[in-house]
Amino acid sequence: MKKRLFLLDIDGTICRGDALIPGAGAFLQAIRRQGGRFVFITNNTTRSTADYIRFFRTLGVDTDETNYLTAGQATIRHLQEHYAGQHIYALATDSFVKECRRHGLSVTTNARDPAITCVLASYDNALTYEKIKDVCLLLTTRAVDYIATNPDLVCPVDFGYLPDCGAICNMIETATHRRPQFLGKPEPAMVHYALQAAHCAPGEALVVGDRLYTDIACGLRAGVDTALVLTGEATLADVAASTEKPTYIYPSVTELRQDLLPEPTPARPCSATAVGHAACL
């Protein structure tokens, strides 16, 4: 096996909604069986690392904190480096707000706080028009910075798609003419963190995802080979029209497993007369 570190998107690649995509469990098992390692690099900020560990356990996949690098973690690192001690307004899930606070960030959901210096936008499954109004108010009337976790336009669910952080930010940009600095994929930070933690060279890693403009672009910017799977957002027509070309294209991770992680060929049974001789090896 030429690849030993698999950097995997989750939504549309390994999971669809709250279920594993067919063949994904066998793919993860094959990586471990052949001595490889997988790390989920996801732009989904609706779950903390602890949430993901519990989620995958319900699907029969045991993981720990070393199996995850999220856009939320990349964002928290950035905020710690640049906004420590400052007040940050967050349009985000309750889970992500708690995660930010757990890492020592002064995050508020009160747009009237006069000490706010930065607005953080993320996917929010409890989004309200009042929250959109608060963000527009801050970006229009205050000299605040503007950061967002990820530019994904949609997130896959069992019936299709829902608007993701990128779509929310597009709506806000239409009203305020402010565009955020995105910190998740396609920025290469998560790939670089994963390579460092695994002491892995770029040539030994593979980014696997279903989006050209986040997953594949992230791998390209990090100098890592990429594999596009067609179980999520991108189609072959999208590939033809895009400047972001993946190294490989597969219908799903099942075909990727069969190609890069083939099952070992069973040893040929030995005959009673051949035991101990080269004929049974």
Protein backbone atom coordinates (compact mmCIF):
# COMPACT_ATOMS: atom_id res chain seq x y z
CA MET A 1 0.00 0.00 0.00
CA LYS A 2 1.50 3.32 -1.07
CA LYS A 3 -0.79 5.40 1.13
CA ARG A 4 -0.77 5.08 4.88
CA LEU A 5 -2.69 8.19 5.97
CA PHE A 6 -6.24 8.67 4.71
CA LEU A 7 -7.72 12.13 5.33
CA LEU A 8 -11.45 11.64 5.02
CA ASP A 9 -14.39 13.94 4.63
CA ILE A 10 -17.46 12.63 6.48
CA ASP A 11 -20.71 13.98 5.02
CA GLY A 12 -21.26 12.58 1.54
CA THR A 13 -18.07 10.50 1.72
CA ILE A 14 -18.35 8.18 4.73
CA CYS A 15 -21.84 9.07 5.95
CA ARG A 16 -25.09 10.27 4.53
CA GLY A 17 -27.25 11.79 7.24
CA ASP A 18 -26.94 9.55 10.31
CA ALA A 19 -25.94 6.37 8.49
CA LEU A 20 -22.78 4.95 6.96
CA ILE A 21 -22.65 4.99 3.17
CA PRO A 22 -22.65 1.35 1.97
CA GLY A 23 -19.10 0.00 2.05
CA ALA A 24 -17.73 2.76 4.30
CA GLY A 25 -17.38 0.51 7.33
CA ALA A 26 -15.41 -2.07 5.34
CA PHE A 27 -13.22 0.73 3.96
CA LEU A 28 -12.29 1.95 7.46
CA GLN A 29 -11.62 -1.61 8.61
CA ALA A 30 -9.36 -2.23 5.60
CA ILE A 31 -7.26 0.85 6.40
CA ARG A 32 -6.64 -0.37 9.94
CA ARG A 33 -6.12 -3.98 8.92
CA GLN A 34 -3.31 -2.97 6.58
CA GLY A 35 -1.60 -0.79 9.16
CA GLY A 36 -2.86 2.56 7.90
CA ARG A 37 -4.50 5.41 9.73
CA PHE A 38 -7.54 7.52 8.98
CA VAL A 39 -8.31 11.03 10.17
CA PHE A 40 -11.62 12.72 9.53
CA ILE A 41 -11.07 16.27 8.28
CA THR A 42 -14.53 17.74 8.16
CA ASN A 43 -16.07 21.16 7.70
CA ASN A 44 -19.09 20.04 9.72
CA THR A 45 -19.20 22.08 12.94
CA THR A 46 -22.52 20.76 14.26
CA ARG A 47 -20.68 18.16 16.34
CA SER A 48 -17.72 18.40 18.70
CA THR A 49 -15.03 15.72 18.68
CA ALA A 50 -16.75 14.03 21.63
CA ASP A 51 -20.03 14.13 19.71
CA TYR A 52 -18.37 12.47 16.71
CA ILE A 53 -16.81 9.74 18.85
CA ARG A 54 -20.25 8.90 20.27
CA PHE A 55 -21.87 9.15 16.82
CA PHE A 56 -19.46 6.74 15.14
CA ARG A 57 -19.69 4.35 18.08
CA THR A 58 -23.42 4.01 17.38
CA LEU A 59 -22.46 3.06 13.81
CA GLY A 60 -20.05 0.37 15.02
CA VAL A 61 -16.85 2.36 14.39
CA ASP A 62 -14.53 2.93 17.35
CA THR A 63 -12.52 6.16 17.19
CA ASP A 64 -10.72 8.54 19.53
CA GLU A 65 -9.65 12.19 19.45
CA THR A 66 -6.69 11.42 17.17
CA ASN A 67 -9.13 10.43 14.40
CA TYR A 68 -10.54 13.97 14.01
CA LEU A 69 -9.48 17.37 12.74
CA THR A 70 -12.47 19.62 12.15
CA ALA A 71 -13.02 23.08 10.74
CA GLY A 72 -14.20 23.92 14.22
CA GLN A 73 -10.81 22.96 15.67
CA ALA A 74 -8.98 24.95 12.99
CA THR A 75 -11.21 27.94 13.72
CA ILE A 76 -10.65 27.66 17.47
CA ARG A 77 -6.87 27.59 16.94
CA HIS A 78 -7.10 30.72 14.79
CA LEU A 79 -9.28 32.53 17.32
CA GLN A 80 -6.94 31.58 20.17
CA GLU A 81 -4.00 32.99 18.22
CA HIS A 82 -5.66 36.24 17.11
CA TYR A 83 -8.60 37.00 19.44
CA ALA A 84 -7.58 35.72 22.88
CA GLY A 85 -9.38 37.75 25.53
CA GLN A 86 -11.57 39.53 22.98
CA HIS A 87 -15.33 39.20 22.66
CA ILE A 88 -16.54 37.16 19.67
CA TYR A 89 -20.13 37.05 18.46
CA ALA A 90 -21.00 33.55 17.21
CA LEU A 91 -23.71 32.47 14.82
CA ALA A 92 -23.27 28.74 15.45
CA THR A 93 -24.74 25.64 17.05
CA ASP A 94 -24.94 25.46 20.83
CA SER A 95 -22.43 22.60 20.68
CA PHE A 96 -19.84 24.69 18.84
CA VAL A 97 -20.36 27.70 21.11
CA LYS A 98 -19.71 25.45 24.13
CA GLU A 99 -16.62 24.00 22.43
CA CYS A 100 -15.21 27.52 21.88
CA ARG A 101 -15.84 28.46 25.49
CA ARG A 102 -14.27 25.20 26.70
CA HIS A 103 -11.08 26.31 24.93
CA GLY A 104 -11.04 29.64 26.74
CA LEU A 105 -12.62 31.89 24.10
CA SER A 106 -14.94 34.73 25.10
CA VAL A 107 -17.86 33.87 22.83
CA THR A 108 -21.17 35.67 23.09
CA THR A 109 -24.54 35.40 21.37
CA ASN A 110 -25.53 38.90 22.52
CA ALA A 111 -25.11 41.23 19.54
CA ARG A 112 -25.54 44.27 21.82
CA ASP A 113 -22.26 43.53 23.62
CA PRO A 114 -20.17 46.68 22.99
CA ALA A 115 -16.87 44.77 23.35
CA ILE A 116 -17.39 42.54 20.29
CA THR A 117 -14.40 42.71 17.92
CA CYS A 118 -15.11 39.72 15.68
CA VAL A 119 -18.12 37.97 14.16
CA LEU A 120 -17.91 34.20 13.71
CA ALA A 121 -20.32 32.45 11.34
CA SER A 122 -20.82 28.71 11.14
CA TYR A 123 -23.50 26.19 10.25
CA ASP A 124 -26.40 26.59 12.66
CA ASN A 125 -29.21 24.05 12.81
CA ALA A 126 -31.16 26.44 15.02
CA LEU A 127 -30.77 29.40 12.68
CA THR A 128 -33.33 32.18 13.05
CA TYR A 129 -33.94 35.40 11.17
CA GLU A 130 -33.13 37.25 14.39
CA LYS A 131 -29.60 35.79 14.33
CA ILE A 132 -29.17 36.84 10.69
CA LYS A 133 -30.36 40.32 11.65
CA ASP A 134 -27.82 40.49 14.50
CA VAL A 135 -24.93 39.56 12.20
CA CYS A 136 -26.00 42.09 9.58
CA LEU A 137 -26.28 44.76 12.29
CA LEU A 138 -22.76 44.09 13.55
CA LEU A 139 -21.17 43.92 10.11
CA THR A 140 -22.92 47.09 8.92
CA THR A 141 -22.63 49.35 11.96
CA ARG A 142 -19.45 48.16 13.70
CA ALA A 143 -15.79 47.89 12.68
CA VAL A 144 -15.56 44.18 13.45
CA ASP A 145 -13.64 41.35 11.79
CA TYR A 146 -15.61 38.59 10.07
CA ILE A 147 -14.62 34.91 10.13
CA ALA A 148 -16.43 31.76 9.04
CA THR A 149 -15.68 28.10 9.63
CA ASN A 150 -16.21 26.77 6.09
CA PRO A 151 -17.46 27.74 2.61
CA ASP A 152 -19.61 24.61 1.96
CA LEU A 153 -22.83 25.62 0.23
CA VAL A 154 -24.82 22.52 1.21
CA CYS A 155 -24.64 19.61 3.63
CA PRO A 156 -26.07 16.22 2.60
CA VAL A 157 -28.95 14.66 4.51
CA ASP A 158 -31.02 11.54 3.89
CA PHE A 159 -33.50 13.34 1.59
CA GLY A 160 -31.02 15.56 -0.28
CA TYR A 161 -29.28 18.73 0.94
CA LEU A 162 -29.61 21.61 3.39
CA PRO A 163 -27.94 25.05 3.23
CA ASP A 164 -24.52 24.99 4.91
CA CYS A 165 -22.27 27.75 6.23
CA GLY A 166 -21.29 29.00 2.77
CA ALA A 167 -24.92 29.50 1.78
CA ILE A 168 -25.63 31.34 5.03
CA CYS A 169 -22.63 33.60 4.41
CA ASN A 170 -23.75 34.25 0.83
CA MET A 171 -27.09 35.48 2.16
CA ILE A 172 -25.33 37.76 4.64
CA GLU A 173 -22.96 39.05 1.94
CA THR A 174 -25.92 40.01 -0.24
CA ALA A 175 -27.20 42.24 2.56
CA THR A 176 -23.93 43.62 3.94
CA HIS A 177 -21.36 43.35 1.11
CA ARG A 178 -19.05 41.69 3.66
CA ARG A 179 -17.40 38.34 2.88
CA PRO A 180 -15.75 36.37 5.68
CA GLN A 181 -12.32 34.84 5.96
CA PHE A 182 -13.01 31.09 5.75
CA LEU A 183 -10.85 28.82 7.93
CA GLY A 184 -11.91 25.27 7.01
CA LYS A 185 -11.39 23.42 3.73
CA PRO A 186 -10.21 24.38 1.12
CA GLU A 187 -7.60 26.05 3.35
CA PRO A 188 -4.84 23.44 3.88
CA ALA A 189 -4.41 23.87 7.64
CA MET A 190 -6.19 20.66 8.64
CA VAL A 191 -4.11 18.58 6.22
CA HIS A 192 -0.88 20.13 7.51
CA TYR A 193 -1.90 19.45 11.13
CA ALA A 194 -2.71 15.82 10.27
CA LEU A 195 0.59 15.24 8.46
CA GLN A 196 2.54 16.66 11.39
CA ALA A 197 0.68 14.57 13.97
CA ALA A 198 1.18 11.36 11.95
CA HIS A 199 4.82 12.16 11.02
CA CYS A 200 3.72 11.50 7.47
CA ALA A 201 5.09 12.85 4.19
CA PRO A 202 2.57 14.38 1.74
CA GLY A 203 3.20 11.56 -0.73
CA GLU A 204 2.04 8.99 1.83
CA ALA A 205 -1.35 10.65 2.35
CA LEU A 206 -4.61 10.75 0.41
CA VAL A 207 -7.47 13.23 0.83
CA VAL A 208 -10.86 11.62 0.11
CA GLY A 209 -14.01 13.69 -0.31
CA ASP A 210 -17.13 14.45 -2.33
CA ARG A 211 -16.65 18.17 -3.00
CA LEU A 212 -14.30 19.72 -5.53
CA TYR A 213 -14.19 23.23 -4.08
CA THR A 214 -13.45 22.12 -0.50
CA ASP A 215 -12.07 18.57 -0.24
CA ILE A 216 -10.18 18.32 -3.53
CA ALA A 217 -9.03 21.95 -3.45
CA CYS A 218 -7.75 21.44 0.11
CA GLY A 219 -5.64 18.46 -0.92
CA LEU A 220 -4.27 20.29 -3.93
CA ARG A 221 -3.28 23.31 -1.83
CA ALA A 222 -1.56 21.00 0.67
CA GLY A 223 0.33 19.09 -2.04
CA VAL A 224 -1.44 15.79 -1.27
CA ASP A 225 -3.06 13.34 -3.71
CA THR A 226 -6.85 13.42 -3.78
CA ALA A 227 -9.69 11.00 -4.47
CA LEU A 228 -13.17 12.24 -5.37
CA VAL A 229 -16.08 9.95 -4.56
CA LEU A 230 -19.42 10.40 -6.32
CA THR A 231 -21.62 9.64 -3.31
CA GLY A 232 -22.13 13.27 -2.37
CA GLU A 233 -22.24 16.67 -4.04
CA ALA A 234 -19.85 16.53 -7.02
CA THR A 235 -20.65 14.85 -10.33
CA LEU A 236 -18.52 13.93 -13.33
CA ALA A 237 -19.95 16.97 -15.11
CA ASP A 238 -18.67 19.13 -12.25
CA VAL A 239 -15.20 17.63 -12.65
CA ALA A 240 -15.20 18.37 -16.38
CA ALA A 241 -16.11 22.00 -15.70
CA SER A 242 -13.74 22.54 -12.77
CA THR A 243 -10.12 23.62 -12.57
CA GLU A 244 -9.79 21.55 -9.37
CA LYS A 245 -8.99 18.10 -10.79
CA PRO A 246 -8.74 15.13 -8.40
CA THR A 247 -5.96 12.59 -8.70
CA TYR A 248 -8.50 9.76 -8.66
CA ILE A 249 -12.27 9.44 -9.13
CA TYR A 250 -14.31 6.58 -7.66
CA PRO A 251 -18.04 5.84 -7.50
CA SER A 252 -17.64 5.33 -3.72
CA VAL A 253 -15.11 4.37 -1.08
CA THR A 254 -15.89 0.72 -1.87
CA GLU A 255 -14.13 0.96 -5.22
CA LEU A 256 -11.32 2.96 -3.64
CA ARG A 257 -10.83 0.16 -1.09
CA GLN A 258 -10.77 -2.46 -3.82
CA ASP A 259 -8.13 -0.48 -5.72
CA LEU A 260 -5.80 0.84 -3.01
CA LEU A 261 -6.55 -1.59 -0.17
CA PRO A 262 -7.05 -4.97 -1.84
CA GLU A 263 -7.71 -7.99 0.32
CA PRO A 264 -4.67 -10.27 0.66
CA THR A 265 -4.76 -13.30 -1.60
CA PRO A 266 -5.53 -16.41 0.49
CA ALA A 267 -2.67 -18.92 0.65
CA ARG A 268 -3.19 -21.96 -1.55
CA PRO A 269 -4.05 -25.00 0.62
CA CYS A 270 -1.22 -27.50 0.87
CA SER A 271 -1.70 -31.12 -0.08
CA ALA A 272 -0.73 -33.80 2.39
CA THR A 273 2.29 -34.73 0.26
CA ALA A 274 3.43 -31.15 -0.24
CA VAL A 275 3.59 -30.01 3.39
CA GLY A 276 6.96 -28.42 4.13
CA HIS A 277 7.87 -27.95 0.48
CA ALA A 278 7.87 -24.87 -1.75
CA ALA A 279 4.74 -26.14 -3.51
CA CYS A 280 2.58 -25.12 -0.57
CA LEU A 281 4.02 -21.60 -0.18
